[in-house]
Amino acid sequence: MTRADYLIVLFAALLLPYLYVSQWSSSEVGTTAAIMNGDKTIAVSLAHDHTLTIDGALGPTIIKIEAGKIRFATSPCLGKQCIHSGWLQQTGEFAACLPNRISVAVLGDAPRFDSINF
């Protein structure tokens, strides 16, 4: 490798952390959430604390909203991956209970970069 090759590799190594922080890190807190249940979409505000019960394909799912965050509290699915996703509050965060056909997406003013955009 020549000296120019080393400089290009060094430049790329220094550029990658900057690109990661500027493009993929977002500290914007979401203001609303979209709860999708099959064909229906429900928009809810994250400003008020409350609990929602949504009937899915397998049975009722309980979704909690507290202190500007949202999460699956209970679900009748087997794997409980939706519950293990925990609290969602950043714009662009998403959790789904695929067997029960319910999903939650946090929305905000500025959309966060996501690989789905491609």
PDB file of N, CA and C in Angstrom:
ATOM      1  N   MET A   1       0.842  -1.186   0.000  1.00  0.00           N
ATOM      2  CA  MET A   1       0.000   0.000   0.000  1.00  0.00           C
ATOM      3  C   MET A   1       0.882   1.243   0.000  1.00  0.00           C
ATOM      4  N   THR A   2       0.415   2.219  -0.738  1.00  0.00           N
ATOM      5  CA  THR A   2       1.160   3.472  -0.806  1.00  0.00           C
ATOM      6  C   THR A   2       0.710   4.393   0.320  1.00  0.00           C
ATOM      7  N   ARG A   3       1.393   5.492   0.430  1.00  0.00           N
ATOM      8  CA  ARG A   3       1.073   6.479   1.456  1.00  0.00           C
ATOM      9  C   ARG A   3      -0.333   7.062   1.227  1.00  0.00           C
ATOM     10  N   ALA A   4      -0.706   7.234  -0.022  1.00  0.00           N
ATOM     11  CA  ALA A   4      -2.044   7.748  -0.340  1.00  0.00           C
ATOM     12  C   ALA A   4      -3.128   6.749   0.084  1.00  0.00           C
ATOM     13  N   ASP A   5      -2.876   5.463  -0.077  1.00  0.00           N
ATOM     14  CA  ASP A   5      -3.831   4.446   0.375  1.00  0.00           C
ATOM     15  C   ASP A   5      -4.044   4.510   1.880  1.00  0.00           C
ATOM     16  N   TYR A   6      -2.976   4.672   2.620  1.00  0.00           N
ATOM     17  CA  TYR A   6      -3.086   4.794   4.073  1.00  0.00           C
ATOM     18  C   TYR A   6      -3.895   6.027   4.463  1.00  0.00           C
ATOM     19  N   LEU A   7      -3.691   7.120   3.744  1.00  0.00           N
ATOM     20  CA  LEU A   7      -4.460   8.335   4.038  1.00  0.00           C
ATOM     21  C   LEU A   7      -5.943   8.144   3.749  1.00  0.00           C
ATOM     22  N   ILE A   8      -6.274   7.438   2.678  1.00  0.00           N
ATOM     23  CA  ILE A   8      -7.677   7.189   2.347  1.00  0.00           C
ATOM     24  C   ILE A   8      -8.326   6.302   3.403  1.00  0.00           C
ATOM     25  N   VAL A   9      -7.629   5.274   3.839  1.00  0.00           N
ATOM     26  CA  VAL A   9      -8.158   4.380   4.880  1.00  0.00           C
ATOM     27  C   VAL A   9      -8.330   5.151   6.190  1.00  0.00           C
ATOM     28  N   LEU A  10      -7.370   5.978   6.553  1.00  0.00           N
ATOM     29  CA  LEU A  10      -7.471   6.785   7.765  1.00  0.00           C
ATOM     30  C   LEU A  10      -8.632   7.759   7.677  1.00  0.00           C
ATOM     31  N   PHE A  11      -8.790   8.395   6.524  1.00  0.00           N
ATOM     32  CA  PHE A  11      -9.901   9.332   6.332  1.00  0.00           C
ATOM     33  C   PHE A  11     -11.241   8.615   6.471  1.00  0.00           C
ATOM     34  N   ALA A  12     -11.358   7.447   5.877  1.00  0.00           N
ATOM     35  CA  ALA A  12     -12.605   6.682   5.965  1.00  0.00           C
ATOM     36  C   ALA A  12     -12.873   6.244   7.401  1.00  0.00           C
ATOM     37  N   ALA A  13     -11.833   5.824   8.124  1.00  0.00           N
ATOM     38  CA  ALA A  13     -11.998   5.400   9.513  1.00  0.00           C
ATOM     39  C   ALA A  13     -12.439   6.557  10.406  1.00  0.00           C
ATOM     40  N   LEU A  14     -11.976   7.756  10.115  1.00  0.00           N
ATOM     41  CA  LEU A  14     -12.383   8.919  10.891  1.00  0.00           C
ATOM     42  C   LEU A  14     -13.772   9.420  10.476  1.00  0.00           C
ATOM     43  N   LEU A  15     -14.157   9.200   9.242  1.00  0.00           N
ATOM     44  CA  LEU A  15     -15.439   9.668   8.742  1.00  0.00           C
ATOM     45  C   LEU A  15     -16.608   8.794   9.215  1.00  0.00           C
ATOM     46  N   LEU A  16     -16.390   7.513   9.384  1.00  0.00           N
ATOM     47  CA  LEU A  16     -17.470   6.603   9.764  1.00  0.00           C
ATOM     48  C   LEU A  16     -18.131   6.946  11.098  1.00  0.00           C
ATOM     49  N   PRO A  17     -17.402   7.221  12.177  1.00  0.00           N
ATOM     50  CA  PRO A  17     -18.092   7.595  13.426  1.00  0.00           C
ATOM     51  C   PRO A  17     -18.917   8.875  13.276  1.00  0.00           C
ATOM     52  N   TYR A  18     -18.395   9.843  12.533  1.00  0.00           N
ATOM     53  CA  TYR A  18     -19.156  11.073  12.306  1.00  0.00           C
ATOM     54  C   TYR A  18     -20.462  10.776  11.569  1.00  0.00           C
ATOM     55  N   LEU A  19     -20.396   9.958  10.518  1.00  0.00           N
ATOM     56  CA  LEU A  19     -21.601   9.618   9.767  1.00  0.00           C
ATOM     57  C   LEU A  19     -22.606   8.851  10.624  1.00  0.00           C
ATOM     58  N   TYR A  20     -22.107   7.963  11.471  1.00  0.00           N
ATOM     59  CA  TYR A  20     -22.998   7.216  12.353  1.00  0.00           C
ATOM     60  C   TYR A  20     -23.752   8.145  13.284  1.00  0.00           C
ATOM     61  N   VAL A  21     -23.052   9.052  13.910  1.00  0.00           N
ATOM     62  CA  VAL A  21     -23.685   9.968  14.860  1.00  0.00           C
ATOM     63  C   VAL A  21     -24.634  10.923  14.158  1.00  0.00           C
ATOM     64  N   SER A  22     -24.235  11.447  13.015  1.00  0.00           N
ATOM     65  CA  SER A  22     -25.068  12.450  12.353  1.00  0.00           C
ATOM     66  C   SER A  22     -26.263  11.856  11.620  1.00  0.00           C
ATOM     67  N   GLN A  23     -26.153  10.644  11.113  1.00  0.00           N
ATOM     68  CA  GLN A  23     -27.232  10.073  10.305  1.00  0.00           C
ATOM     69  C   GLN A  23     -28.123   9.089  11.043  1.00  0.00           C
ATOM     70  N   TRP A  24     -27.579   8.294  11.947  1.00  0.00           N
ATOM     71  CA  TRP A  24     -28.373   7.227  12.550  1.00  0.00           C
ATOM     72  C   TRP A  24     -28.725   7.470  14.006  1.00  0.00           C
ATOM     73  N   SER A  25     -28.064   8.383  14.660  1.00  0.00           N
ATOM     74  CA  SER A  25     -28.394   8.664  16.055  1.00  0.00           C
ATOM     75  C   SER A  25     -29.380   9.813  16.101  1.00  0.00           C
ATOM     76  N   SER A  26     -30.461   9.565  16.786  1.00  0.00           N
ATOM     77  CA  SER A  26     -31.477  10.601  16.919  1.00  0.00           C
ATOM     78  C   SER A  26     -31.901  10.670  18.372  1.00  0.00           C
ATOM     79  N   SER A  27     -31.920  11.858  18.904  1.00  0.00           N
ATOM     80  CA  SER A  27     -32.359  12.013  20.286  1.00  0.00           C
ATOM     81  C   SER A  27     -33.733  12.675  20.337  1.00  0.00           C
ATOM     82  N   GLU A  28     -34.413  12.716  19.193  1.00  0.00           N
ATOM     83  CA  GLU A  28     -35.725  13.337  19.166  1.00  0.00           C
ATOM     84  C   GLU A  28     -36.755  12.414  19.797  1.00  0.00           C
ATOM     85  N   VAL A  29     -37.449  12.947  20.777  1.00  0.00           N
ATOM     86  CA  VAL A  29     -38.480  12.189  21.466  1.00  0.00           C
ATOM     87  C   VAL A  29     -39.769  12.294  20.666  1.00  0.00           C
ATOM     88  N   GLY A  30     -40.447  11.172  20.506  1.00  0.00           N
ATOM     89  CA  GLY A  30     -41.691  11.139  19.747  1.00  0.00           C
ATOM     90  C   GLY A  30     -42.825  11.853  20.467  1.00  0.00           C
ATOM     91  N   THR A  31     -43.774  12.342  19.701  1.00  0.00           N
ATOM     92  CA  THR A  31     -44.923  13.051  20.265  1.00  0.00           C
ATOM     93  C   THR A  31     -46.205  12.242  20.150  1.00  0.00           C
ATOM     94  N   THR A  32     -46.297  11.402  19.145  1.00  0.00           N
ATOM     95  CA  THR A  32     -47.475  10.562  18.947  1.00  0.00           C
ATOM     96  C   THR A  32     -47.027   9.147  18.590  1.00  0.00           C
ATOM     97  N   ALA A  33     -47.991   8.253  18.616  1.00  0.00           N
ATOM     98  CA  ALA A  33     -47.713   6.873  18.221  1.00  0.00           C
ATOM     99  C   ALA A  33     -48.841   6.392  17.332  1.00  0.00           C
ATOM    100  N   ALA A  34     -48.495   5.550  16.383  1.00  0.00           N
ATOM    101  CA  ALA A  34     -49.484   4.924  15.508  1.00  0.00           C
ATOM    102  C   ALA A  34     -49.574   3.460  15.904  1.00  0.00           C
ATOM    103  N   ILE A  35     -50.776   3.036  16.269  1.00  0.00           N
ATOM    104  CA  ILE A  35     -51.021   1.645  16.613  1.00  0.00           C
ATOM    105  C   ILE A  35     -51.795   1.034  15.455  1.00  0.00           C
ATOM    106  N   MET A  36     -51.196   0.035  14.823  1.00  0.00           N
ATOM    107  CA  MET A  36     -51.820  -0.606  13.674  1.00  0.00           C
ATOM    108  C   MET A  36     -52.368  -1.959  14.084  1.00  0.00           C
ATOM    109  N   ASN A  37     -53.631  -2.170  13.769  1.00  0.00           N
ATOM    110  CA  ASN A  37     -54.324  -3.409  14.090  1.00  0.00           C
ATOM    111  C   ASN A  37     -54.979  -3.907  12.812  1.00  0.00           C
ATOM    112  N   GLY A  38     -54.270  -4.770  12.105  1.00  0.00           N
ATOM    113  CA  GLY A  38     -54.785  -5.228  10.822  1.00  0.00           C
ATOM    114  C   GLY A  38     -54.828  -4.078   9.837  1.00  0.00           C
ATOM    115  N   ASP A  39     -56.023  -3.712   9.368  1.00  0.00           N
ATOM    116  CA  ASP A  39     -56.196  -2.617   8.416  1.00  0.00           C
ATOM    117  C   ASP A  39     -56.409  -1.277   9.092  1.00  0.00           C
ATOM    118  N   LYS A  40     -56.668  -1.267  10.387  1.00  0.00           N
ATOM    119  CA  LYS A  40     -56.979  -0.028  11.110  1.00  0.00           C
ATOM    120  C   LYS A  40     -55.723   0.565  11.741  1.00  0.00           C
ATOM    121  N   THR A  41     -55.629   1.896  11.715  1.00  0.00           N
ATOM    122  CA  THR A  41     -54.537   2.616  12.370  1.00  0.00           C
ATOM    123  C   THR A  41     -55.134   3.599  13.358  1.00  0.00           C
ATOM    124  N   ILE A  42     -54.618   3.564  14.584  1.00  0.00           N
ATOM    125  CA  ILE A  42     -55.077   4.462  15.637  1.00  0.00           C
ATOM    126  C   ILE A  42     -53.912   5.370  16.005  1.00  0.00           C
ATOM    127  N   ALA A  43     -54.124   6.673  15.975  1.00  0.00           N
ATOM    128  CA  ALA A  43     -53.102   7.633  16.391  1.00  0.00           C
ATOM    129  C   ALA A  43     -53.381   8.041  17.834  1.00  0.00           C
ATOM    130  N   VAL A  44     -52.362   7.928  18.687  1.00  0.00           N
ATOM    131  CA  VAL A  44     -52.513   8.295  20.093  1.00  0.00           C
ATOM    132  C   VAL A  44     -51.407   9.264  20.485  1.00  0.00           C
ATOM    133  N   SER A  45     -51.724  10.143  21.392  1.00  0.00           N
ATOM    134  CA  SER A  45     -50.754  11.099  21.906  1.00  0.00           C
ATOM    135  C   SER A  45     -49.956  10.443  23.031  1.00  0.00           C
ATOM    136  N   LEU A  46     -48.676  10.748  23.104  1.00  0.00           N
ATOM    137  CA  LEU A  46     -47.837  10.238  24.176  1.00  0.00           C
ATOM    138  C   LEU A  46     -47.773  11.199  25.357  1.00  0.00           C
ATOM    139  N   ALA A  47     -48.532  12.284  25.288  1.00  0.00           N
ATOM    140  CA  ALA A  47     -48.498  13.297  26.336  1.00  0.00           C
ATOM    141  C   ALA A  47     -49.279  12.888  27.572  1.00  0.00           C
ATOM    142  N   HIS A  48     -50.275  12.028  27.423  1.00  0.00           N
ATOM    143  CA  HIS A  48     -51.136  11.651  28.547  1.00  0.00           C
ATOM    144  C   HIS A  48     -50.938  10.179  28.888  1.00  0.00           C
ATOM    145  N   ASP A  49     -50.888   9.886  30.179  1.00  0.00           N
ATOM    146  CA  ASP A  49     -50.735   8.505  30.626  1.00  0.00           C
ATOM    147  C   ASP A  49     -52.074   7.781  30.551  1.00  0.00           C
ATOM    148  N   HIS A  50     -52.102   6.655  29.868  1.00  0.00           N
ATOM    149  CA  HIS A  50     -53.301   5.833  29.830  1.00  0.00           C
ATOM    150  C   HIS A  50     -52.966   4.431  29.325  1.00  0.00           C
ATOM    151  N   THR A  51     -53.943   3.570  29.411  1.00  0.00           N
ATOM    152  CA  THR A  51     -53.797   2.176  29.002  1.00  0.00           C
ATOM    153  C   THR A  51     -54.847   1.860  27.951  1.00  0.00           C
ATOM    154  N   LEU A  52     -54.419   1.189  26.896  1.00  0.00           N
ATOM    155  CA  LEU A  52     -55.336   0.810  25.815  1.00  0.00           C
ATOM    156  C   LEU A  52     -55.427  -0.711  25.738  1.00  0.00           C
ATOM    157  N   THR A  53     -56.618  -1.197  25.487  1.00  0.00           N
ATOM    158  CA  THR A  53     -56.816  -2.618  25.230  1.00  0.00           C
ATOM    159  C   THR A  53     -57.250  -2.754  23.779  1.00  0.00           C
ATOM    160  N   ILE A  54     -56.456  -3.500  23.009  1.00  0.00           N
ATOM    161  CA  ILE A  54     -56.725  -3.645  21.584  1.00  0.00           C
ATOM    162  C   ILE A  54     -56.959  -5.122  21.293  1.00  0.00           C
ATOM    163  N   ASP A  55     -58.055  -5.425  20.633  1.00  0.00           N
ATOM    164  CA  ASP A  55     -58.364  -6.805  20.275  1.00  0.00           C
ATOM    165  C   ASP A  55     -57.654  -7.166  18.980  1.00  0.00           C
ATOM    166  N   GLY A  56     -56.815  -8.195  19.047  1.00  0.00           N
ATOM    167  CA  GLY A  56     -56.090  -8.668  17.878  1.00  0.00           C
ATOM    168  C   GLY A  56     -56.615 -10.005  17.417  1.00  0.00           C
ATOM    169  N   ALA A  57     -55.871 -10.652  16.549  1.00  0.00           N
ATOM    170  CA  ALA A  57     -56.289 -11.937  15.983  1.00  0.00           C
ATOM    171  C   ALA A  57     -56.311 -13.043  17.031  1.00  0.00           C
ATOM    172  N   LEU A  58     -55.400 -12.988  18.009  1.00  0.00           N
ATOM    173  CA  LEU A  58     -55.334 -14.015  19.048  1.00  0.00           C
ATOM    174  C   LEU A  58     -56.107 -13.656  20.303  1.00  0.00           C
ATOM    175  N   GLY A  59     -56.361 -12.375  20.504  1.00  0.00           N
ATOM    176  CA  GLY A  59     -57.034 -11.920  21.717  1.00  0.00           C
ATOM    177  C   GLY A  59     -56.613 -10.507  22.071  1.00  0.00           C
ATOM    178  N   PRO A  60     -56.963 -10.060  23.279  1.00  0.00           N
ATOM    179  CA  PRO A  60     -56.668  -8.677  23.664  1.00  0.00           C
ATOM    180  C   PRO A  60     -55.186  -8.452  24.000  1.00  0.00           C
ATOM    181  N   THR A  61     -54.693  -7.301  23.581  1.00  0.00           N
ATOM    182  CA  THR A  61     -53.345  -6.840  23.898  1.00  0.00           C
ATOM    183  C   THR A  61     -53.477  -5.546  24.669  1.00  0.00           C
ATOM    184  N   ILE A  62     -52.713  -5.411  25.741  1.00  0.00           N
ATOM    185  CA  ILE A  62     -52.747  -4.183  26.542  1.00  0.00           C
ATOM    186  C   ILE A  62     -51.496  -3.380  26.238  1.00  0.00           C
ATOM    187  N   ILE A  63     -51.706  -2.114  25.869  1.00  0.00           N
ATOM    188  CA  ILE A  63     -50.617  -1.188  25.551  1.00  0.00           C
ATOM    189  C   ILE A  63     -50.662  -0.054  26.558  1.00  0.00           C
ATOM    190  N   LYS A  64     -49.517   0.230  27.192  1.00  0.00           N
ATOM    191  CA  LYS A  64     -49.438   1.296  28.198  1.00  0.00           C
ATOM    192  C   LYS A  64     -48.676   2.489  27.655  1.00  0.00           C
ATOM    193  N   ILE A  65     -49.154   3.671  28.023  1.00  0.00           N
ATOM    194  CA  ILE A  65     -48.482   4.923  27.690  1.00  0.00           C
ATOM    195  C   ILE A  65     -48.231   5.645  29.002  1.00  0.00           C
ATOM    196  N   GLU A  66     -46.961   5.912  29.299  1.00  0.00           N
ATOM    197  CA  GLU A  66     -46.575   6.604  30.529  1.00  0.00           C
ATOM    198  C   GLU A  66     -45.384   7.509  30.263  1.00  0.00           C
ATOM    199  N   ALA A  67     -45.454   8.723  30.730  1.00  0.00           N
ATOM    200  CA  ALA A  67     -44.339   9.682  30.695  1.00  0.00           C
ATOM    201  C   ALA A  67     -43.737   9.830  29.303  1.00  0.00           C
ATOM    202  N   GLY A  68     -44.579   9.877  28.276  1.00  0.00           N
ATOM    203  CA  GLY A  68     -44.100  10.072  26.920  1.00  0.00           C
ATOM    204  C   GLY A  68     -43.536   8.827  26.268  1.00  0.00           C
ATOM    205  N   LYS A  69     -43.764   7.652  26.860  1.00  0.00           N
ATOM    206  CA  LYS A  69     -43.268   6.388  26.321  1.00  0.00           C
ATOM    207  C   LYS A  69     -44.439   5.435  26.134  1.00  0.00           C
ATOM    208  N   ILE A  70     -44.275   4.459  25.259  1.00  0.00           N
ATOM    209  CA  ILE A  70     -45.312   3.480  24.974  1.00  0.00           C
ATOM    210  C   ILE A  70     -44.692   2.089  24.938  1.00  0.00           C
ATOM    211  N   ARG A  71     -45.483   1.083  25.357  1.00  0.00           N
ATOM    212  CA  ARG A  71     -44.983  -0.291  25.341  1.00  0.00           C
ATOM    213  C   ARG A  71     -46.130  -1.288  25.324  1.00  0.00           C
ATOM    214  N   PHE A  72     -45.821  -2.502  24.897  1.00  0.00           N
ATOM    215  CA  PHE A  72     -46.752  -3.612  25.022  1.00  0.00           C
ATOM    216  C   PHE A  72     -46.672  -4.094  26.467  1.00  0.00           C
ATOM    217  N   ALA A  73     -47.776  -4.111  27.179  1.00  0.00           N
ATOM    218  CA  ALA A  73     -47.779  -4.591  28.566  1.00  0.00           C
ATOM    219  C   ALA A  73     -48.086  -6.083  28.619  1.00  0.00           C
ATOM    220  N   THR A  74     -49.136  -6.507  27.940  1.00  0.00           N
ATOM    221  CA  THR A  74     -49.472  -7.932  27.862  1.00  0.00           C
ATOM    222  C   THR A  74     -49.922  -8.257  26.449  1.00  0.00           C
ATOM    223  N   SER A  75     -49.712  -9.519  26.078  1.00  0.00           N
ATOM    224  CA  SER A  75     -50.125  -9.967  24.760  1.00  0.00           C
ATOM    225  C   SER A  75     -50.322 -11.479  24.798  1.00  0.00           C
ATOM    226  N   PRO A  76     -51.279 -12.005  24.037  1.00  0.00           N
ATOM    227  CA  PRO A  76     -51.529 -13.442  24.071  1.00  0.00           C
ATOM    228  C   PRO A  76     -50.590 -14.275  23.196  1.00  0.00           C
ATOM    229  N   CYS A  77     -49.612 -13.675  22.568  1.00  0.00           N
ATOM    230  CA  CYS A  77     -48.713 -14.423  21.685  1.00  0.00           C
ATOM    231  C   CYS A  77     -47.762 -15.308  22.512  1.00  0.00           C
ATOM    232  N   LEU A  78     -47.089 -16.226  21.849  1.00  0.00           N
ATOM    233  CA  LEU A  78     -46.231 -17.179  22.551  1.00  0.00           C
ATOM    234  C   LEU A  78     -44.844 -16.616  22.879  1.00  0.00           C
ATOM    235  N   GLY A  79     -44.183 -15.996  21.918  1.00  0.00           N
ATOM    236  CA  GLY A  79     -42.803 -15.557  22.114  1.00  0.00           C
ATOM    237  C   GLY A  79     -42.645 -14.317  22.969  1.00  0.00           C
ATOM    238  N   LYS A  80     -43.644 -13.476  23.037  1.00  0.00           N
ATOM    239  CA  LYS A  80     -43.634 -12.228  23.819  1.00  0.00           C
ATOM    240  C   LYS A  80     -42.510 -11.278  23.406  1.00  0.00           C
ATOM    241  N   GLN A  81     -42.093 -11.323  22.128  1.00  0.00           N
ATOM    242  CA  GLN A  81     -41.058 -10.406  21.652  1.00  0.00           C
ATOM    243  C   GLN A  81     -41.538  -8.960  21.711  1.00  0.00           C
ATOM    244  N   CYS A  82     -42.834  -8.762  21.523  1.00  0.00           N
ATOM    245  CA  CYS A  82     -43.386  -7.410  21.583  1.00  0.00           C
ATOM    246  C   CYS A  82     -43.225  -6.830  22.988  1.00  0.00           C
ATOM    247  N   ILE A  83     -43.416  -7.637  24.000  1.00  0.00           N
ATOM    248  CA  ILE A  83     -43.274  -7.177  25.382  1.00  0.00           C
ATOM    249  C   ILE A  83     -41.803  -6.938  25.704  1.00  0.00           C
ATOM    250  N   HIS A  84     -40.924  -7.801  25.217  1.00  0.00           N
ATOM    251  CA  HIS A  84     -39.491  -7.682  25.490  1.00  0.00           C
ATOM    252  C   HIS A  84     -38.856  -6.485  24.780  1.00  0.00           C
ATOM    253  N   SER A  85     -39.545  -5.903  23.815  1.00  0.00           N
ATOM    254  CA  SER A  85     -38.991  -4.712  23.153  1.00  0.00           C
ATOM    255  C   SER A  85     -38.948  -3.522  24.092  1.00  0.00           C
ATOM    256  N   GLY A  86     -39.736  -3.543  25.155  1.00  0.00           N
ATOM    257  CA  GLY A  86     -39.665  -2.509  26.191  1.00  0.00           C
ATOM    258  C   GLY A  86     -40.319  -1.197  25.798  1.00  0.00           C
ATOM    259  N   TRP A  87     -39.898  -0.154  26.491  1.00  0.00           N
ATOM    260  CA  TRP A  87     -40.467   1.177  26.275  1.00  0.00           C
ATOM    261  C   TRP A  87     -39.927   1.784  24.988  1.00  0.00           C
ATOM    262  N   LEU A  88     -40.787   2.395  24.215  1.00  0.00           N
ATOM    263  CA  LEU A  88     -40.423   3.092  22.985  1.00  0.00           C
ATOM    264  C   LEU A  88     -40.701   4.568  23.180  1.00  0.00           C
ATOM    265  N   GLN A  89     -39.731   5.423  22.852  1.00  0.00           N
ATOM    266  CA  GLN A  89     -39.969   6.861  22.972  1.00  0.00           C
ATOM    267  C   GLN A  89     -39.298   7.687  21.889  1.00  0.00           C
ATOM    268  N   GLN A  90     -38.262   7.159  21.249  1.00  0.00           N
ATOM    269  CA  GLN A  90     -37.561   7.901  20.199  1.00  0.00           C
ATOM    270  C   GLN A  90     -38.328   7.807  18.887  1.00  0.00           C
ATOM    271  N   THR A  91     -38.312   8.873  18.120  1.00  0.00           N
ATOM    272  CA  THR A  91     -38.962   8.875  16.818  1.00  0.00           C
ATOM    273  C   THR A  91     -38.386   7.759  15.947  1.00  0.00           C
ATOM    274  N   GLY A  92     -39.263   6.974  15.345  1.00  0.00           N
ATOM    275  CA  GLY A  92     -38.837   5.897  14.466  1.00  0.00           C
ATOM    276  C   GLY A  92     -38.786   4.533  15.123  1.00  0.00           C
ATOM    277  N   GLU A  93     -38.892   4.459  16.441  1.00  0.00           N
ATOM    278  CA  GLU A  93     -38.870   3.154  17.093  1.00  0.00           C
ATOM    279  C   GLU A  93     -40.159   2.403  16.791  1.00  0.00           C
ATOM    280  N   PHE A  94     -40.044   1.075  16.738  1.00  0.00           N
ATOM    281  CA  PHE A  94     -41.153   0.253  16.273  1.00  0.00           C
ATOM    282  C   PHE A  94     -41.143  -1.075  17.017  1.00  0.00           C
ATOM    283  N   ALA A  95     -42.324  -1.559  17.374  1.00  0.00           N
ATOM    284  CA  ALA A  95     -42.474  -2.884  17.973  1.00  0.00           C
ATOM    285  C   ALA A  95     -43.726  -3.515  17.381  1.00  0.00           C
ATOM    286  N   ALA A  96     -43.692  -4.840  17.239  1.00  0.00           N
ATOM    287  CA  ALA A  96     -44.836  -5.520  16.635  1.00  0.00           C
ATOM    288  C   ALA A  96     -45.078  -6.860  17.296  1.00  0.00           C
ATOM    289  N   CYS A  97     -46.338  -7.208  17.388  1.00  0.00           N
ATOM    290  CA  CYS A  97     -46.762  -8.540  17.793  1.00  0.00           C
ATOM    291  C   CYS A  97     -47.343  -9.172  16.527  1.00  0.00           C
ATOM    292  N   LEU A  98     -46.506  -9.849  15.777  1.00  0.00           N
ATOM    293  CA  LEU A  98     -46.929 -10.385  14.486  1.00  0.00           C
ATOM    294  C   LEU A  98     -48.023 -11.441  14.599  1.00  0.00           C
ATOM    295  N   PRO A  99     -47.964 -12.373  15.570  1.00  0.00           N
ATOM    296  CA  PRO A  99     -49.049 -13.354  15.646  1.00  0.00           C
ATOM    297  C   PRO A  99     -50.411 -12.718  15.929  1.00  0.00           C
ATOM    298  N   ASN A 100     -50.414 -11.622  16.687  1.00  0.00           N
ATOM    299  CA  ASN A 100     -51.666 -10.944  17.038  1.00  0.00           C
ATOM    300  C   ASN A 100     -51.999  -9.818  16.070  1.00  0.00           C
ATOM    301  N   ARG A 101     -51.112  -9.553  15.122  1.00  0.00           N
ATOM    302  CA  ARG A 101     -51.295  -8.534  14.074  1.00  0.00           C
ATOM    303  C   ARG A 101     -51.486  -7.124  14.625  1.00  0.00           C
ATOM    304  N   ILE A 102     -50.680  -6.772  15.630  1.00  0.00           N
ATOM    305  CA  ILE A 102     -50.713  -5.424  16.208  1.00  0.00           C
ATOM    306  C   ILE A 102     -49.288  -4.883  16.205  1.00  0.00           C
ATOM    307  N   SER A 103     -49.115  -3.634  15.796  1.00  0.00           N
ATOM    308  CA  SER A 103     -47.802  -3.002  15.813  1.00  0.00           C
ATOM    309  C   SER A 103     -47.916  -1.574  16.311  1.00  0.00           C
ATOM    310  N   VAL A 104     -46.802  -1.070  16.840  1.00  0.00           N
ATOM    311  CA  VAL A 104     -46.734   0.282  17.393  1.00  0.00           C
ATOM    312  C   VAL A 104     -45.514   0.976  16.799  1.00  0.00           C
ATOM    313  N   ALA A 105     -45.711   2.193  16.306  1.00  0.00           N
ATOM    314  CA  ALA A 105     -44.615   3.004  15.773  1.00  0.00           C
ATOM    315  C   ALA A 105     -44.670   4.383  16.415  1.00  0.00           C
ATOM    316  N   VAL A 106     -43.530   4.868  16.885  1.00  0.00           N
ATOM    317  CA  VAL A 106     -43.450   6.194  17.488  1.00  0.00           C
ATOM    318  C   VAL A 106     -43.184   7.206  16.390  1.00  0.00           C
ATOM    319  N   LEU A 107     -43.980   8.258  16.365  1.00  0.00           N
ATOM    320  CA  LEU A 107     -43.873   9.296  15.337  1.00  0.00           C
ATOM    321  C   LEU A 107     -43.448  10.612  15.966  1.00  0.00           C
ATOM    322  N   GLY A 108     -42.786  11.446  15.178  1.00  0.00           N
ATOM    323  CA  GLY A 108     -42.363  12.760  15.650  1.00  0.00           C
ATOM    324  C   GLY A 108     -42.379  13.763  14.519  1.00  0.00           C
ATOM    325  N   ASP A 109     -41.782  14.919  14.761  1.00  0.00           N
ATOM    326  CA  ASP A 109     -41.773  15.984  13.754  1.00  0.00           C
ATOM    327  C   ASP A 109     -40.832  15.666  12.600  1.00  0.00           C
ATOM    328  N   ALA A 110     -39.642  15.178  12.904  1.00  0.00           N
ATOM    329  CA  ALA A 110     -38.659  14.863  11.864  1.00  0.00           C
ATOM    330  C   ALA A 110     -38.491  13.353  11.788  1.00  0.00           C
ATOM    331  N   PRO A 111     -38.702  12.751  10.617  1.00  0.00           N
ATOM    332  CA  PRO A 111     -38.536  11.303  10.521  1.00  0.00           C
ATOM    333  C   PRO A 111     -37.080  10.895  10.686  1.00  0.00           C
ATOM    334  N   ARG A 112     -36.877   9.791  11.349  1.00  0.00           N
ATOM    335  CA  ARG A 112     -35.535   9.275  11.588  1.00  0.00           C
ATOM    336  C   ARG A 112     -35.139   8.364  10.429  1.00  0.00           C
ATOM    337  N   PHE A 113     -33.876   8.377  10.068  1.00  0.00           N
ATOM    338  CA  PHE A 113     -33.389   7.542   8.980  1.00  0.00           C
ATOM    339  C   PHE A 113     -33.598   6.080   9.351  1.00  0.00           C
ATOM    340  N   ASP A 114     -34.051   5.323   8.374  1.00  0.00           N
ATOM    341  CA  ASP A 114     -34.297   3.904   8.584  1.00  0.00           C
ATOM    342  C   ASP A 114     -33.968   3.155   7.308  1.00  0.00           C
ATOM    343  N   SER A 115     -33.552   1.926   7.406  1.00  0.00           N
ATOM    344  CA  SER A 115     -33.203   1.171   6.210  1.00  0.00           C
ATOM    345  C   SER A 115     -34.416   0.907   5.334  1.00  0.00           C
ATOM    346  N   ILE A 116     -35.602   1.026   5.892  1.00  0.00           N
ATOM    347  CA  ILE A 116     -36.814   0.826   5.107  1.00  0.00           C
ATOM    348  C   ILE A 116     -36.962   1.933   4.056  1.00  0.00           C
ATOM    349  N   ASN A 117     -36.333   3.076   4.272  1.00  0.00           N
ATOM    350  CA  ASN A 117     -36.427   4.185   3.325  1.00  0.00           C
ATOM    351  C   ASN A 117     -35.837   3.844   1.974  1.00  0.00           C
ATOM    352  N   PHE A 118     -34.955   2.869   1.908  1.00  0.00           N
ATOM    353  CA  PHE A 118     -34.369   2.500   0.630  1.00  0.00           C
ATOM    354  C   PHE A 118     -35.397   1.742  -0.128  1.00  0.00           C
TER     355      PHE A 118
END
